[in-house]
Each structure stands twice: as structure tokens, then as C-alpha cells.
C-alpha atoms as a PDB file:
ATOM      1  CA  MET A   1      43.516  26.204 -10.368  1.00  0.00           C
ATOM      2  CA  GLY A   2      46.548  28.126  -9.114  1.00  0.00           C
ATOM      3  CA  ASP A   3      48.069  31.247 -10.541  1.00  0.00           C
ATOM      4  CA  VAL A   4      50.473  31.070 -13.450  1.00  0.00           C
ATOM      5  CA  VAL A   5      54.017  31.565 -12.175  1.00  0.00           C
ATOM      6  CA  ASN A   6      56.986  32.601 -14.250  1.00  0.00           C
ATOM      7  CA  LEU A   7      59.608  30.092 -13.109  1.00  0.00           C
ATOM      8  CA  ARG A   8      62.526  32.305 -14.130  1.00  0.00           C
ATOM      9  CA  ARG A   9      61.203  35.174 -12.034  1.00  0.00           C
ATOM     10  CA  ALA A  10      60.429  32.884  -9.086  1.00  0.00           C
ATOM     11  CA  ARG A  11      63.955  31.439  -9.216  1.00  0.00           C
ATOM     12  CA  LYS A  12      65.490  34.923  -9.294  1.00  0.00           C
ATOM     13  CA  GLU A  13      63.364  36.036  -6.332  1.00  0.00           C
ATOM     14  CA  ARG A  14      64.384  32.930  -4.375  1.00  0.00           C
ATOM     15  CA  ASP A  15      68.063  33.549  -5.156  1.00  0.00           C
ATOM     16  CA  ARG A  16      67.754  37.190  -4.068  1.00  0.00           C
ATOM     17  CA  ARG A  17      66.121  36.117  -0.807  1.00  0.00           C
ATOM     18  CA  VAL A  18      68.925  33.623  -0.074  1.00  0.00           C
ATOM     19  CA  LYS A  19      71.543  36.223  -0.947  1.00  0.00           C
ATOM     20  CA  ASP A  20      69.868  38.834   1.273  1.00  0.00           C
ATOM     21  CA  ASP A  21      69.725  36.377   4.199  1.00  0.00           C
ATOM     22  CA  ALA A  22      73.444  35.662   3.831  1.00  0.00           C
ATOM     23  CA  ALA A  23      74.205  39.384   3.624  1.00  0.00           C
ATOM     24  CA  GLN A  24      72.180  40.017   6.777  1.00  0.00           C
ATOM     25  CA  ALA A  25      74.147  37.347   8.632  1.00  0.00           C
ATOM     26  CA  LYS A  26      77.445  38.852   7.469  1.00  0.00           C
ATOM     27  CA  ARG A  27      76.330  42.334   8.542  1.00  0.00           C
ATOM     28  CA  ALA A  28      75.550  40.952  11.986  1.00  0.00           C
ATOM     29  CA  ALA A  29      78.907  39.168  12.217  1.00  0.00           C
ATOM     30  CA  PHE A  30      81.232  41.782  10.744  1.00  0.00           C
ATOM     31  CA  GLY A  31      79.349  45.033  11.165  1.00  0.00           C
ATOM     32  CA  ARG A  32      80.252  45.489  14.817  1.00  0.00           C
ATOM     33  CA  SER A  33      82.709  47.747  16.572  1.00  0.00           C
ATOM     34  CA  LYS A  34      85.949  46.430  18.035  1.00  0.00           C
ATOM     35  CA  SER A  35      84.627  46.705  21.583  1.00  0.00           C
ATOM     36  CA  GLU A  36      81.518  44.671  20.693  1.00  0.00           C
ATOM     37  CA  ARG A  37      83.667  41.949  19.088  1.00  0.00           C
ATOM     38  CA  GLU A  38      85.958  41.855  22.137  1.00  0.00           C
ATOM     39  CA  LEU A  39      82.961  41.664  24.476  1.00  0.00           C
ATOM     40  CA  THR A  40      81.491  38.755  22.517  1.00  0.00           C
ATOM     41  CA  ALA A  41      84.851  36.951  22.520  1.00  0.00           C
ATOM     42  CA  ALA A  42      85.248  37.492  26.276  1.00  0.00           C
ATOM     43  CA  GLN A  43      81.742  36.183  26.934  1.00  0.00           C
ATOM     44  CA  ALA A  44      82.418  33.089  24.818  1.00  0.00           C
ATOM     45  CA  GLN A  45      85.695  32.479  26.640  1.00  0.00           C
ATOM     46  CA  LEU A  46      83.994  32.856  30.031  1.00  0.00           C
ATOM     47  CA  GLU A  47      81.235  30.435  29.029  1.00  0.00           C
ATOM     48  CA  SER A  48      83.828  27.937  27.805  1.00  0.00           C
ATOM     49  CA  ALA A  49      85.747  28.220  31.087  1.00  0.00           C
ATOM     50  CA  ARG A  50      82.544  27.659  33.068  1.00  0.00           C
ATOM     51  CA  LEU A  51      81.754  24.584  31.011  1.00  0.00           C
ATOM     52  CA  GLU A  52      85.261  23.178  31.476  1.00  0.00           C
ATOM     53  CA  ALA A  53      85.067  23.828  35.226  1.00  0.00           C
ATOM     54  CA  HIS A  54      82.052  21.525  35.451  1.00  0.00           C
ATOM     55  CA  ARG A  55      83.645  18.711  33.449  1.00  0.00           C
ATOM     56  CA  ARG A  56      83.714  15.397  35.274  1.00  0.00           C
ATOM     57  CA  GLU A  57      87.091  13.673  35.188  1.00  0.00           C
ATOM     58  CA  ARG A  58      87.504   9.899  35.351  1.00  0.00           C
ATOM     59  CA  GLU A  59      89.344   8.615  38.384  1.00  0.00           C
ATOM     60  CA  GLU A  60      92.510   6.526  38.026  1.00  0.00           C
ATOM     61  CA  ALA A  61      90.797   3.418  39.485  1.00  0.00           C
ATOM     62  CA  ASP A  62      88.155   3.540  36.736  1.00  0.00           C
ATOM     63  CA  ASP A  63      90.791   3.700  33.988  1.00  0.00           C
ATOM     64  CA  GLN A  64      92.462   0.472  35.117  1.00  0.00           C
ATOM     65  CA  ALA A  65      89.255  -1.560  35.228  1.00  0.00           C
END
């Protein structure tokens, strides 16, 4: 048979774990210097521009058909 588990304590530990995970994500997102944020934004913009450059456009003849 398994160990006896205090459900209240298990629930509190689970809630703490979820809260700590969220805090870690926020520290990663907001705990950066201005230059790091600008670099990340520039990289995202460059990647978006590269993706848009490879977009295939429909030709006018295809639209009429």
C-alpha cells in the first residue's frame, strides 16, 4: 500500500510549484537589461521579415479562375 499523504499539504506544494514556475518565467521575460530586450526585439523583427520575404503570392490569373 502507498504512503499516507496529507492532501492539504500536497495541494499547497503543488500550488507553490506552479507559482514558482510562473515567477521563473516572469523573471526570464522581465529581468533583462534594455539592450537585451532590444536585441531580442530586433531578432524577432528580422525573423519576421525573412519569413515575409519567402511568402508566395498568388498571381492575378489564379484569382480570376
